């Protein structure tokens, strides 16, 4: 005579399905993805060849050629120790400039533009 155990079927199902729901043993499920690499910062110095107000593109010429930089929305422009409005870049074409920039997605973006303070020039 066969005896039925009440709960044997759910117990058997739990034993058979346990490997399906168990975490992988190689630790890949608990490992977090690698942190995104922080953008590296660079500095370029040269002569400001132009600034387009509409596209916010600053062009800097140096011995190695011309480079275009996109001005970030929070970009700051400095003339010596004095902060200038970004719009004044258009009036400073030909000035010596140093830009601090980073590159992401093939676009060079600058947050800081430093203009050389030329003695005798009207501010």
PDB file of N, CA and C in Angstrom:
ATOM      1  N   UNK A   1       0.838  -1.149   0.000  1.00  0.00           N
ATOM      2  CA  UNK A   1       0.000   0.000   0.000  1.00  0.00           C
ATOM      3  C   UNK A   1       0.904   1.240   0.000  1.00  0.00           C
ATOM      4  N   UNK A   2       0.652   2.128  -0.926  1.00  0.00           N
ATOM      5  CA  UNK A   2       1.465   3.329  -1.066  1.00  0.00           C
ATOM      6  C   UNK A   2       0.938   4.426  -0.162  1.00  0.00           C
ATOM      7  N   UNK A   3       1.840   5.025   0.487  1.00  0.00           N
ATOM      8  CA  UNK A   3       1.485   6.117   1.372  1.00  0.00           C
ATOM      9  C   UNK A   3       1.857   7.451   0.735  1.00  0.00           C
ATOM     10  N   UNK A   4       1.001   8.367   0.817  1.00  0.00           N
ATOM     11  CA  UNK A   4       1.286   9.696   0.268  1.00  0.00           C
ATOM     12  C   UNK A   4       1.714  10.618   1.391  1.00  0.00           C
ATOM     13  N   UNK A   5       2.753  11.326   1.117  1.00  0.00           N
ATOM     14  CA  UNK A   5       3.232  12.300   2.094  1.00  0.00           C
ATOM     15  C   UNK A   5       2.707  13.678   1.671  1.00  0.00           C
ATOM     16  N   UNK A   6       2.020  14.355   2.590  1.00  0.00           N
ATOM     17  CA  UNK A   6       1.445  15.631   2.188  1.00  0.00           C
ATOM     18  C   UNK A   6       2.521  16.678   1.949  1.00  0.00           C
ATOM     19  N   UNK A   7       3.027  17.230   1.249  1.00  0.00           N
ATOM     20  CA  UNK A   7       4.089  18.205   1.089  1.00  0.00           C
ATOM     21  C   UNK A   7       5.267  17.633   0.351  1.00  0.00           C
ATOM     22  N   UNK A   8       5.220  16.390  -0.064  1.00  0.00           N
ATOM     23  CA  UNK A   8       6.346  15.786  -0.761  1.00  0.00           C
ATOM     24  C   UNK A   8       6.517  16.403  -2.141  1.00  0.00           C
ATOM     25  N   UNK A   9       5.433  16.700  -2.816  1.00  0.00           N
ATOM     26  CA  UNK A   9       5.517  17.261  -4.166  1.00  0.00           C
ATOM     27  C   UNK A   9       6.128  18.666  -4.132  1.00  0.00           C
ATOM     28  N   UNK A  10       5.656  19.577  -3.270  1.00  0.00           N
ATOM     29  CA  UNK A  10       6.309  20.886  -3.236  1.00  0.00           C
ATOM     30  C   UNK A  10       7.778  20.809  -2.825  1.00  0.00           C
ATOM     31  N   UNK A  11       8.111  19.891  -1.913  1.00  0.00           N
ATOM     32  CA  UNK A  11       9.491  19.741  -1.477  1.00  0.00           C
ATOM     33  C   UNK A  11      10.360  19.240  -2.622  1.00  0.00           C
ATOM     34  N   UNK A  12       9.856  18.267  -3.369  1.00  0.00           N
ATOM     35  CA  UNK A  12      10.592  17.730  -4.510  1.00  0.00           C
ATOM     36  C   UNK A  12      10.782  18.821  -5.574  1.00  0.00           C
ATOM     37  N   UNK A  13       9.759  19.629  -5.816  1.00  0.00           N
ATOM     38  CA  UNK A  13       9.858  20.710  -6.803  1.00  0.00           C
ATOM     39  C   UNK A  13      10.899  21.738  -6.362  1.00  0.00           C
ATOM     40  N   UNK A  14      10.923  22.053  -5.075  1.00  0.00           N
ATOM     41  CA  UNK A  14      11.900  23.023  -4.569  1.00  0.00           C
ATOM     42  C   UNK A  14      13.325  22.514  -4.728  1.00  0.00           C
ATOM     43  N   UNK A  15      13.523  21.221  -4.507  1.00  0.00           N
ATOM     44  CA  UNK A  15      14.865  20.643  -4.632  1.00  0.00           C
ATOM     45  C   UNK A  15      15.318  20.655  -6.087  1.00  0.00           C
ATOM     46  N   UNK A  16      14.407  20.320  -7.008  1.00  0.00           N
ATOM     47  CA  UNK A  16      14.769  20.270  -8.420  1.00  0.00           C
ATOM     48  C   UNK A  16      14.982  21.658  -9.025  1.00  0.00           C
ATOM     49  N   UNK A  17      14.254  22.649  -8.552  1.00  0.00           N
ATOM     50  CA  UNK A  17      14.363  23.989  -9.119  1.00  0.00           C
ATOM     51  C   UNK A  17      15.393  24.866  -8.418  1.00  0.00           C
ATOM     52  N   UNK A  18      15.912  24.450  -7.308  1.00  0.00           N
ATOM     53  CA  UNK A  18      16.864  25.254  -6.539  1.00  0.00           C
ATOM     54  C   UNK A  18      18.071  25.700  -7.364  1.00  0.00           C
ATOM     55  N   UNK A  19      18.702  24.843  -8.165  1.00  0.00           N
ATOM     56  CA  UNK A  19      19.852  25.309  -8.938  1.00  0.00           C
ATOM     57  C   UNK A  19      19.484  26.413  -9.929  1.00  0.00           C
ATOM     58  N   UNK A  20      18.257  26.463 -10.391  1.00  0.00           N
ATOM     59  CA  UNK A  20      17.837  27.484 -11.339  1.00  0.00           C
ATOM     60  C   UNK A  20      17.823  28.855 -10.697  1.00  0.00           C
ATOM     61  N   UNK A  21      17.426  28.953  -9.444  1.00  0.00           N
ATOM     62  CA  UNK A  21      17.298  30.227  -8.769  1.00  0.00           C
ATOM     63  C   UNK A  21      18.517  30.604  -7.927  1.00  0.00           C
ATOM     64  N   UNK A  22      19.461  29.748  -7.820  1.00  0.00           N
ATOM     65  CA  UNK A  22      20.639  30.029  -7.002  1.00  0.00           C
ATOM     66  C   UNK A  22      21.524  31.041  -7.718  1.00  0.00           C
ATOM     67  N   UNK A  23      22.242  31.819  -6.951  1.00  0.00           N
ATOM     68  CA  UNK A  23      23.170  32.799  -7.518  1.00  0.00           C
ATOM     69  C   UNK A  23      24.351  32.081  -8.139  1.00  0.00           C
ATOM     70  N   UNK A  24      24.879  32.589  -9.251  1.00  0.00           N
ATOM     71  CA  UNK A  24      26.054  31.968  -9.869  1.00  0.00           C
ATOM     72  C   UNK A  24      27.216  31.943  -8.884  1.00  0.00           C
ATOM     73  N   UNK A  25      28.002  30.891  -8.971  1.00  0.00           N
ATOM     74  CA  UNK A  25      29.108  30.712  -8.048  1.00  0.00           C
ATOM     75  C   UNK A  25      30.340  31.529  -8.421  1.00  0.00           C
ATOM     76  N   UNK A  26      30.389  32.053  -9.658  1.00  0.00           N
ATOM     77  CA  UNK A  26      31.575  32.801 -10.062  1.00  0.00           C
ATOM     78  C   UNK A  26      31.570  34.237  -9.554  1.00  0.00           C
ATOM     79  N   UNK A  27      30.507  34.650  -8.882  1.00  0.00           N
ATOM     80  CA  UNK A  27      30.453  35.983  -8.304  1.00  0.00           C
ATOM     81  C   UNK A  27      30.040  37.065  -9.281  1.00  0.00           C
ATOM     82  N   UNK A  28      29.693  36.704 -10.514  1.00  0.00           N
ATOM     83  CA  UNK A  28      29.368  37.721 -11.496  1.00  0.00           C
ATOM     84  C   UNK A  28      28.066  38.440 -11.171  1.00  0.00           C
ATOM     85  N   UNK A  29      27.140  37.818 -10.464  1.00  0.00           N
ATOM     86  CA  UNK A  29      25.887  38.477 -10.143  1.00  0.00           C
ATOM     87  C   UNK A  29      26.081  39.543  -9.073  1.00  0.00           C
ATOM     88  N   UNK A  30      27.016  39.339  -8.173  1.00  0.00           N
ATOM     89  CA  UNK A  30      27.195  40.301  -7.090  1.00  0.00           C
ATOM     90  C   UNK A  30      28.224  41.374  -7.432  1.00  0.00           C
ATOM     91  N   UNK A  31      29.016  41.155  -8.459  1.00  0.00           N
ATOM     92  CA  UNK A  31      30.042  42.131  -8.820  1.00  0.00           C
ATOM     93  C   UNK A  31      29.388  43.334  -9.482  1.00  0.00           C
ATOM     94  N   UNK A  32      29.758  44.523  -9.034  1.00  0.00           N
ATOM     95  CA  UNK A  32      29.195  45.723  -9.631  1.00  0.00           C
ATOM     96  C   UNK A  32      29.982  46.042 -10.903  1.00  0.00           C
ATOM     97  N   UNK A  33      29.328  46.752 -11.839  1.00  0.00           N
ATOM     98  CA  UNK A  33      30.040  47.097 -13.066  1.00  0.00           C
ATOM     99  C   UNK A  33      31.199  48.033 -12.733  1.00  0.00           C
ATOM    100  N   UNK A  34      32.228  48.019 -13.562  1.00  0.00           N
ATOM    101  CA  UNK A  34      33.374  48.890 -13.284  1.00  0.00           C
ATOM    102  C   UNK A  34      32.938  50.353 -13.346  1.00  0.00           C
ATOM    103  N   UNK A  35      33.501  51.193 -12.504  1.00  0.00           N
ATOM    104  CA  UNK A  35      33.112  52.609 -12.521  1.00  0.00           C
ATOM    105  C   UNK A  35      33.516  53.261 -13.833  1.00  0.00           C
ATOM    106  N   UNK A  36      32.702  54.207 -14.281  1.00  0.00           N
ATOM    107  CA  UNK A  36      33.016  54.921 -15.512  1.00  0.00           C
ATOM    108  C   UNK A  36      34.284  55.735 -15.287  1.00  0.00           C
ATOM    109  N   UNK A  37      35.130  55.723 -16.271  1.00  0.00           N
ATOM    110  CA  UNK A  37      36.381  56.461 -16.156  1.00  0.00           C
ATOM    111  C   UNK A  37      36.078  57.956 -16.129  1.00  0.00           C
ATOM    112  N   UNK A  38      36.671  58.637 -15.193  1.00  0.00           N
ATOM    113  CA  UNK A  38      36.484  60.083 -15.107  1.00  0.00           C
ATOM    114  C   UNK A  38      37.170  60.717 -16.303  1.00  0.00           C
ATOM    115  N   UNK A  39      36.527  61.729 -16.884  1.00  0.00           N
ATOM    116  CA  UNK A  39      37.167  62.360 -18.038  1.00  0.00           C
ATOM    117  C   UNK A  39      38.490  62.993 -17.627  1.00  0.00           C
ATOM    118  N   UNK A  40      39.490  62.790 -18.441  1.00  0.00           N
ATOM    119  CA  UNK A  40      40.785  63.371 -18.115  1.00  0.00           C
ATOM    120  C   UNK A  40      40.782  64.843 -18.508  1.00  0.00           C
ATOM    121  N   UNK A  41      41.463  65.637 -17.748  1.00  0.00           N
ATOM    122  CA  UNK A  41      41.534  67.083 -17.978  1.00  0.00           C
ATOM    123  C   UNK A  41      42.816  67.410 -18.727  1.00  0.00           C
ATOM    124  N   UNK A  42      42.700  68.351 -19.651  1.00  0.00           N
ATOM    125  CA  UNK A  42      43.832  68.789 -20.451  1.00  0.00           C
ATOM    126  C   UNK A  42      43.886  70.318 -20.445  1.00  0.00           C
ATOM    127  N   UNK A  43      44.998  70.854 -20.853  1.00  0.00           N
ATOM    128  CA  UNK A  43      45.154  72.300 -20.981  1.00  0.00           C
ATOM    129  C   UNK A  43      45.800  72.588 -22.325  1.00  0.00           C
ATOM    130  N   UNK A  44      45.269  73.574 -23.030  1.00  0.00           N
ATOM    131  CA  UNK A  44      45.840  74.010 -24.307  1.00  0.00           C
ATOM    132  C   UNK A  44      46.028  75.517 -24.276  1.00  0.00           C
ATOM    133  N   UNK A  45      47.125  75.962 -24.864  1.00  0.00           N
ATOM    134  CA  UNK A  45      47.435  77.389 -24.915  1.00  0.00           C
ATOM    135  C   UNK A  45      47.701  77.773 -26.362  1.00  0.00           C
ATOM    136  N   UNK A  46      47.252  78.953 -26.728  1.00  0.00           N
ATOM    137  CA  UNK A  46      47.476  79.442 -28.082  1.00  0.00           C
ATOM    138  C   UNK A  46      46.847  80.802 -28.268  1.00  0.00           C
ATOM    139  N   UNK A  47      46.584  81.140 -29.516  1.00  0.00           N
ATOM    140  CA  UNK A  47      45.948  82.403 -29.866  1.00  0.00           C
ATOM    141  C   UNK A  47      44.493  82.134 -30.195  1.00  0.00           C
ATOM    142  N   UNK A  48      43.590  82.930 -29.616  1.00  0.00           N
ATOM    143  CA  UNK A  48      42.174  82.746 -29.906  1.00  0.00           C
ATOM    144  C   UNK A  48      41.909  83.204 -31.334  1.00  0.00           C
ATOM    145  N   UNK A  49      41.536  82.256 -32.197  1.00  0.00           N
ATOM    146  CA  UNK A  49      41.304  82.560 -33.602  1.00  0.00           C
ATOM    147  C   UNK A  49      39.871  82.986 -33.855  1.00  0.00           C
ATOM    148  N   UNK A  50      38.945  82.604 -32.960  1.00  0.00           N
ATOM    149  CA  UNK A  50      37.563  83.010 -33.155  1.00  0.00           C
ATOM    150  C   UNK A  50      36.649  82.424 -32.108  1.00  0.00           C
ATOM    151  N   UNK A  51      35.456  83.022 -32.017  1.00  0.00           N
ATOM    152  CA  UNK A  51      34.420  82.525 -31.119  1.00  0.00           C
ATOM    153  C   UNK A  51      33.076  82.735 -31.791  1.00  0.00           C
ATOM    154  N   UNK A  52      32.300  81.652 -31.922  1.00  0.00           N
ATOM    155  CA  UNK A  52      30.963  81.712 -32.507  1.00  0.00           C
ATOM    156  C   UNK A  52      29.942  81.690 -31.373  1.00  0.00           C
ATOM    157  N   UNK A  53      29.238  82.794 -31.202  1.00  0.00           N
ATOM    158  CA  UNK A  53      28.283  82.935 -30.105  1.00  0.00           C
ATOM    159  C   UNK A  53      27.145  81.929 -30.222  1.00  0.00           C
ATOM    160  N   UNK A  54      26.654  81.696 -31.445  1.00  0.00           N
ATOM    161  CA  UNK A  54      25.507  80.795 -31.645  1.00  0.00           C
ATOM    162  C   UNK A  54      25.815  79.345 -31.296  1.00  0.00           C
ATOM    163  N   UNK A  55      26.976  78.861 -31.699  1.00  0.00           N
ATOM    164  CA  UNK A  55      27.331  77.453 -31.437  1.00  0.00           C
ATOM    165  C   UNK A  55      28.183  77.295 -30.183  1.00  0.00           C
ATOM    166  N   UNK A  56      28.609  78.432 -29.593  1.00  0.00           N
ATOM    167  CA  UNK A  56      29.485  78.440 -28.414  1.00  0.00           C
ATOM    168  C   UNK A  56      30.788  77.690 -28.701  1.00  0.00           C
ATOM    169  N   UNK A  57      31.312  77.876 -29.901  1.00  0.00           N
ATOM    170  CA  UNK A  57      32.550  77.216 -30.294  1.00  0.00           C
ATOM    171  C   UNK A  57      33.700  78.208 -30.292  1.00  0.00           C
ATOM    172  N   UNK A  58      34.740  77.851 -29.550  1.00  0.00           N
ATOM    173  CA  UNK A  58      35.950  78.652 -29.438  1.00  0.00           C
ATOM    174  C   UNK A  58      37.042  77.958 -30.232  1.00  0.00           C
ATOM    175  N   UNK A  59      37.725  78.716 -31.090  1.00  0.00           N
ATOM    176  CA  UNK A  59      38.815  78.141 -31.887  1.00  0.00           C
ATOM    177  C   UNK A  59      40.135  78.726 -31.407  1.00  0.00           C
ATOM    178  N   UNK A  60      41.071  77.824 -31.108  1.00  0.00           N
ATOM    179  CA  UNK A  60      42.392  78.222 -30.617  1.00  0.00           C
ATOM    180  C   UNK A  60      43.447  77.734 -31.602  1.00  0.00           C
ATOM    181  N   UNK A  61      44.320  78.639 -32.030  1.00  0.00           N
ATOM    182  CA  UNK A  61      45.418  78.290 -32.943  1.00  0.00           C
ATOM    183  C   UNK A  61      46.713  78.211 -32.155  1.00  0.00           C
ATOM    184  N   UNK A  62      47.510  77.204 -32.498  1.00  0.00           N
ATOM    185  CA  UNK A  62      48.832  77.059 -31.871  1.00  0.00           C
ATOM    186  C   UNK A  62      49.783  76.524 -32.929  1.00  0.00           C
ATOM    187  N   UNK A  63      51.002  76.259 -32.540  1.00  0.00           N
ATOM    188  CA  UNK A  63      51.995  75.743 -33.480  1.00  0.00           C
ATOM    189  C   UNK A  63      51.577  74.396 -34.061  1.00  0.00           C
ATOM    190  N   UNK A  64      50.759  73.641 -33.323  1.00  0.00           N
ATOM    191  CA  UNK A  64      50.334  72.322 -33.803  1.00  0.00           C
ATOM    192  C   UNK A  64      49.042  72.371 -34.630  1.00  0.00           C
ATOM    193  N   UNK A  65      48.486  73.582 -34.851  1.00  0.00           N
ATOM    194  CA  UNK A  65      47.275  73.713 -35.660  1.00  0.00           C
ATOM    195  C   UNK A  65      46.135  74.349 -34.874  1.00  0.00           C
ATOM    196  N   UNK A  66      44.949  74.353 -35.485  1.00  0.00           N
ATOM    197  CA  UNK A  66      43.769  74.935 -34.841  1.00  0.00           C
ATOM    198  C   UNK A  66      42.938  73.851 -34.187  1.00  0.00           C
ATOM    199  N   UNK A  67      42.358  74.177 -33.044  1.00  0.00           N
ATOM    200  CA  UNK A  67      41.511  73.241 -32.317  1.00  0.00           C
ATOM    201  C   UNK A  67      40.235  73.954 -31.913  1.00  0.00           C
ATOM    202  N   UNK A  68      39.101  73.259 -32.077  1.00  0.00           N
ATOM    203  CA  UNK A  68      37.801  73.816 -31.702  1.00  0.00           C
ATOM    204  C   UNK A  68      37.384  73.247 -30.343  1.00  0.00           C
ATOM    205  N   UNK A  69      36.850  74.120 -29.511  1.00  0.00           N
ATOM    206  CA  UNK A  69      36.363  73.726 -28.188  1.00  0.00           C
ATOM    207  C   UNK A  69      34.929  74.212 -28.036  1.00  0.00           C
ATOM    208  N   UNK A  70      34.088  73.371 -27.464  1.00  0.00           N
ATOM    209  CA  UNK A  70      32.717  73.767 -27.148  1.00  0.00           C
ATOM    210  C   UNK A  70      32.721  74.324 -25.734  1.00  0.00           C
ATOM    211  N   UNK A  71      32.134  75.518 -25.550  1.00  0.00           N
ATOM    212  CA  UNK A  71      32.039  76.096 -24.211  1.00  0.00           C
ATOM    213  C   UNK A  71      30.864  75.467 -23.486  1.00  0.00           C
ATOM    214  N   UNK A  72      31.127  74.926 -22.322  1.00  0.00           N
ATOM    215  CA  UNK A  72      30.068  74.333 -21.499  1.00  0.00           C
ATOM    216  C   UNK A  72      29.122  75.447 -21.041  1.00  0.00           C
ATOM    217  N   UNK A  73      27.873  75.083 -20.713  1.00  0.00           N
ATOM    218  CA  UNK A  73      26.929  76.105 -20.231  1.00  0.00           C
ATOM    219  C   UNK A  73      27.422  76.840 -18.985  1.00  0.00           C
ATOM    220  N   UNK A  74      28.233  76.181 -18.177  1.00  0.00           N
ATOM    221  CA  UNK A  74      28.735  76.811 -16.955  1.00  0.00           C
ATOM    222  C   UNK A  74      30.167  77.345 -17.113  1.00  0.00           C
ATOM    223  N   UNK A  75      30.601  77.542 -18.348  1.00  0.00           N
ATOM    224  CA  UNK A  75      31.975  77.992 -18.603  1.00  0.00           C
ATOM    225  C   UNK A  75      32.230  79.370 -17.990  1.00  0.00           C
ATOM    226  N   UNK A  76      33.448  79.553 -17.522  1.00  0.00           N
ATOM    227  CA  UNK A  76      33.869  80.832 -16.955  1.00  0.00           C
ATOM    228  C   UNK A  76      35.050  81.366 -17.755  1.00  0.00           C
ATOM    229  N   UNK A  77      35.021  82.654 -17.983  1.00  0.00           N
ATOM    230  CA  UNK A  77      36.085  83.322 -18.732  1.00  0.00           C
ATOM    231  C   UNK A  77      36.790  84.281 -17.779  1.00  0.00           C
ATOM    232  N   UNK A  78      38.124  84.212 -17.774  1.00  0.00           N
ATOM    233  CA  UNK A  78      38.920  85.031 -16.870  1.00  0.00           C
ATOM    234  C   UNK A  78      39.905  85.880 -17.656  1.00  0.00           C
ATOM    235  N   UNK A  79      40.026  87.126 -17.264  1.00  0.00           N
ATOM    236  CA  UNK A  79      41.040  88.034 -17.778  1.00  0.00           C
ATOM    237  C   UNK A  79      41.876  88.408 -16.569  1.00  0.00           C
ATOM    238  N   UNK A  80      43.028  87.786 -16.427  1.00  0.00           N
ATOM    239  CA  UNK A  80      43.804  87.955 -15.199  1.00  0.00           C
ATOM    240  C   UNK A  80      43.008  87.364 -14.046  1.00  0.00           C
ATOM    241  N   UNK A  81      42.691  88.203 -13.061  1.00  0.00           N
ATOM    242  CA  UNK A  81      41.894  87.734 -11.919  1.00  0.00           C
ATOM    243  C   UNK A  81      40.433  88.169 -12.027  1.00  0.00           C
ATOM    244  N   UNK A  82      40.098  88.826 -13.115  1.00  0.00           N
ATOM    245  CA  UNK A  82      38.739  89.344 -13.290  1.00  0.00           C
ATOM    246  C   UNK A  82      37.911  88.420 -14.176  1.00  0.00           C
ATOM    247  N   UNK A  83      36.711  88.117 -13.723  1.00  0.00           N
ATOM    248  CA  UNK A  83      35.802  87.273 -14.504  1.00  0.00           C
ATOM    249  C   UNK A  83      35.059  88.125 -15.533  1.00  0.00           C
ATOM    250  N   UNK A  84      35.013  87.617 -16.766  1.00  0.00           N
ATOM    251  CA  UNK A  84      34.332  88.317 -17.853  1.00  0.00           C
ATOM    252  C   UNK A  84      33.094  87.542 -18.289  1.00  0.00           C
ATOM    253  N   UNK A  85      32.125  88.243 -18.861  1.00  0.00           N
ATOM    254  CA  UNK A  85      30.990  87.534 -19.462  1.00  0.00           C
ATOM    255  C   UNK A  85      31.475  86.751 -20.690  1.00  0.00           C
ATOM    256  N   UNK A  86      30.892  85.591 -20.924  1.00  0.00           N
ATOM    257  CA  UNK A  86      31.286  84.755 -22.071  1.00  0.00           C
ATOM    258  C   UNK A  86      31.152  85.530 -23.375  1.00  0.00           C
ATOM    259  N   UNK A  87      30.156  86.380 -23.477  1.00  0.00           N
ATOM    260  CA  UNK A  87      29.924  87.147 -24.706  1.00  0.00           C
ATOM    261  C   UNK A  87      31.123  88.007 -25.088  1.00  0.00           C
ATOM    262  N   UNK A  88      31.975  88.374 -24.142  1.00  0.00           N
ATOM    263  CA  UNK A  88      33.138  89.211 -24.446  1.00  0.00           C
ATOM    264  C   UNK A  88      34.246  88.461 -25.172  1.00  0.00           C
ATOM    265  N   UNK A  89      34.126  87.146 -25.270  1.00  0.00           N
ATOM    266  CA  UNK A  89      35.136  86.394 -26.025  1.00  0.00           C
ATOM    267  C   UNK A  89      35.211  86.897 -27.470  1.00  0.00           C
ATOM    268  N   UNK A  90      34.079  87.264 -28.032  1.00  0.00           N
ATOM    269  CA  UNK A  90      34.026  87.722 -29.427  1.00  0.00           C
ATOM    270  C   UNK A  90      34.917  88.944 -29.629  1.00  0.00           C
ATOM    271  N   UNK A  91      35.043  89.779 -28.616  1.00  0.00           N
ATOM    272  CA  UNK A  91      35.849  91.002 -28.739  1.00  0.00           C
ATOM    273  C   UNK A  91      37.329  90.757 -28.454  1.00  0.00           C
ATOM    274  N   UNK A  92      37.693  89.544 -28.071  1.00  0.00           N
ATOM    275  CA  UNK A  92      39.079  89.249 -27.681  1.00  0.00           C
ATOM    276  C   UNK A  92      39.822  88.371 -28.688  1.00  0.00           C
ATOM    277  N   UNK A  93      39.316  88.274 -29.907  1.00  0.00           N
ATOM    278  CA  UNK A  93      39.996  87.476 -30.940  1.00  0.00           C
ATOM    279  C   UNK A  93      41.410  88.020 -31.121  1.00  0.00           C
ATOM    280  N   UNK A  94      42.383  87.129 -31.161  1.00  0.00           N
ATOM    281  CA  UNK A  94      43.795  87.503 -31.283  1.00  0.00           C
ATOM    282  C   UNK A  94      44.535  87.463 -29.959  1.00  0.00           C
ATOM    283  N   UNK A  95      43.800  87.339 -28.856  1.00  0.00           N
ATOM    284  CA  UNK A  95      44.427  87.298 -27.532  1.00  0.00           C
ATOM    285  C   UNK A  95      45.029  85.930 -27.268  1.00  0.00           C
ATOM    286  N   UNK A  96      46.048  85.920 -26.402  1.00  0.00           N
ATOM    287  CA  UNK A  96      46.605  84.653 -25.941  1.00  0.00           C
ATOM    288  C   UNK A  96      45.611  84.042 -24.961  1.00  0.00           C
ATOM    289  N   UNK A  97      45.381  82.748 -25.093  1.00  0.00           N
ATOM    290  CA  UNK A  97      44.352  82.095 -24.293  1.00  0.00           C
ATOM    291  C   UNK A  97      44.835  80.726 -23.828  1.00  0.00           C
ATOM    292  N   UNK A  98      44.389  80.338 -22.646  1.00  0.00           N
ATOM    293  CA  UNK A  98      44.623  78.988 -22.127  1.00  0.00           C
ATOM    294  C   UNK A  98      43.267  78.409 -21.769  1.00  0.00           C
ATOM    295  N   UNK A  99      42.974  77.229 -22.283  1.00  0.00           N
ATOM    296  CA  UNK A  99      41.693  76.579 -21.992  1.00  0.00           C
ATOM    297  C   UNK A  99      41.948  75.254 -21.278  1.00  0.00           C
ATOM    298  N   UNK A 100      41.125  74.983 -20.283  1.00  0.00           N
ATOM    299  CA  UNK A 100      41.146  73.684 -19.607  1.00  0.00           C
ATOM    300  C   UNK A 100      39.964  72.910 -20.172  1.00  0.00           C
ATOM    301  N   UNK A 101      40.234  71.709 -20.681  1.00  0.00           N
ATOM    302  CA  UNK A 101      39.182  70.990 -21.379  1.00  0.00           C
ATOM    303  C   UNK A 101      39.216  69.498 -21.107  1.00  0.00           C
ATOM    304  N   UNK A 102      38.090  68.866 -21.438  1.00  0.00           N
ATOM    305  CA  UNK A 102      37.976  67.405 -21.384  1.00  0.00           C
ATOM    306  C   UNK A 102      37.290  66.965 -22.669  1.00  0.00           C
ATOM    307  N   UNK A 103      37.438  65.702 -22.997  1.00  0.00           N
ATOM    308  CA  UNK A 103      36.850  65.189 -24.242  1.00  0.00           C
ATOM    309  C   UNK A 103      35.923  64.026 -23.937  1.00  0.00           C
ATOM    310  N   UNK A 104      34.736  64.073 -24.505  1.00  0.00           N
ATOM    311  CA  UNK A 104      33.759  62.991 -24.375  1.00  0.00           C
ATOM    312  C   UNK A 104      32.995  62.896 -25.688  1.00  0.00           C
ATOM    313  N   UNK A 105      32.935  61.712 -26.240  1.00  0.00           N
ATOM    314  CA  UNK A 105      32.217  61.506 -27.492  1.00  0.00           C
ATOM    315  C   UNK A 105      32.812  62.280 -28.654  1.00  0.00           C
ATOM    316  N   UNK A 106      34.108  62.527 -28.608  1.00  0.00           N
ATOM    317  CA  UNK A 106      34.773  63.230 -29.699  1.00  0.00           C
ATOM    318  C   UNK A 106      34.623  64.746 -29.646  1.00  0.00           C
ATOM    319  N   UNK A 107      33.965  65.264 -28.607  1.00  0.00           N
ATOM    320  CA  UNK A 107      33.775  66.705 -28.472  1.00  0.00           C
ATOM    321  C   UNK A 107      34.656  67.217 -27.332  1.00  0.00           C
ATOM    322  N   UNK A 108      35.452  68.216 -27.632  1.00  0.00           N
ATOM    323  CA  UNK A 108      36.293  68.843 -26.610  1.00  0.00           C
ATOM    324  C   UNK A 108      35.498  69.972 -25.966  1.00  0.00           C
ATOM    325  N   UNK A 109      35.298  69.861 -24.670  1.00  0.00           N
ATOM    326  CA  UNK A 109      34.489  70.837 -23.941  1.00  0.00           C
ATOM    327  C   UNK A 109      35.348  71.544 -22.912  1.00  0.00           C
ATOM    328  N   UNK A 110      35.206  72.866 -22.859  1.00  0.00           N
ATOM    329  CA  UNK A 110      35.960  73.653 -21.888  1.00  0.00           C
ATOM    330  C   UNK A 110      35.025  74.303 -20.879  1.00  0.00           C
ATOM    331  N   UNK A 111      35.481  74.329 -19.642  1.00  0.00           N
ATOM    332  CA  UNK A 111      34.744  74.989 -18.570  1.00  0.00           C
ATOM    333  C   UNK A 111      35.472  76.243 -18.100  1.00  0.00           C
ATOM    334  N   UNK A 112      36.745  76.354 -18.453  1.00  0.00           N
ATOM    335  CA  UNK A 112      37.548  77.501 -18.023  1.00  0.00           C
ATOM    336  C   UNK A 112      38.367  78.033 -19.189  1.00  0.00           C
ATOM    337  N   UNK A 113      38.245  79.334 -19.421  1.00  0.00           N
ATOM    338  CA  UNK A 113      39.024  80.027 -20.451  1.00  0.00           C
ATOM    339  C   UNK A 113      39.763  81.162 -19.754  1.00  0.00           C
ATOM    340  N   UNK A 114      41.076  81.182 -19.909  1.00  0.00           N
ATOM    341  CA  UNK A 114      41.882  82.254 -19.306  1.00  0.00           C
ATOM    342  C   UNK A 114      42.551  83.063 -20.413  1.00  0.00           C
ATOM    343  N   UNK A 115      42.236  84.334 -20.429  1.00  0.00           N
ATOM    344  CA  UNK A 115      42.828  85.254 -21.400  1.00  0.00           C
ATOM    345  C   UNK A 115      44.023  85.937 -20.764  1.00  0.00           C
ATOM    346  N   UNK A 116      45.076  86.142 -21.557  1.00  0.00           N
ATOM    347  CA  UNK A 116      46.246  86.864 -21.049  1.00  0.00           C
ATOM    348  C   UNK A 116      45.880  88.323 -20.896  1.00  0.00           C
ATOM    349  N   UNK A 117      46.267  88.909 -19.793  1.00  0.00           N
ATOM    350  CA  UNK A 117      46.007  90.307 -19.521  1.00  0.00           C
ATOM    351  C   UNK A 117      47.089  91.125 -20.222  1.00  0.00           C
ATOM    352  N   UNK A 118      46.728  91.766 -21.319  1.00  0.00           N
ATOM    353  CA  UNK A 118      47.689  92.538 -22.102  1.00  0.00           C
ATOM    354  C   UNK A 118      47.720  93.969 -21.590  1.00  0.00           C
ATOM    355  N   UNK A 119      48.882  94.446 -21.116  1.00  0.00           N
ATOM    356  CA  UNK A 119      48.970  95.815 -20.601  1.00  0.00           C
ATOM    357  C   UNK A 119      48.623  96.841 -21.689  1.00  0.00           C
ATOM    358  N   UNK A 120      47.868  97.863 -21.308  1.00  0.00           N
ATOM    359  CA  UNK A 120      47.538  98.928 -22.255  1.00  0.00           C
ATOM    360  C   UNK A 120      46.284  98.673 -23.054  1.00  0.00           C
ATOM    361  N   UNK A 121      45.726  97.469 -22.990  1.00  0.00           N
ATOM    362  CA  UNK A 121      44.505  97.182 -23.755  1.00  0.00           C
ATOM    363  C   UNK A 121      43.294  97.629 -22.946  1.00  0.00           C
ATOM    364  N   UNK A 122      42.341  98.230 -23.616  1.00  0.00           N
ATOM    365  CA  UNK A 122      41.123  98.700 -22.961  1.00  0.00           C
ATOM    366  C   UNK A 122      40.308  97.496 -22.507  1.00  0.00           C
ATOM    367  N   UNK A 123      39.859  97.557 -21.268  1.00  0.00           N
ATOM    368  CA  UNK A 123      39.075  96.457 -20.727  1.00  0.00           C
ATOM    369  C   UNK A 123      37.660  96.738 -20.920  1.00  0.00           C
TER     370      UNK A 123
END
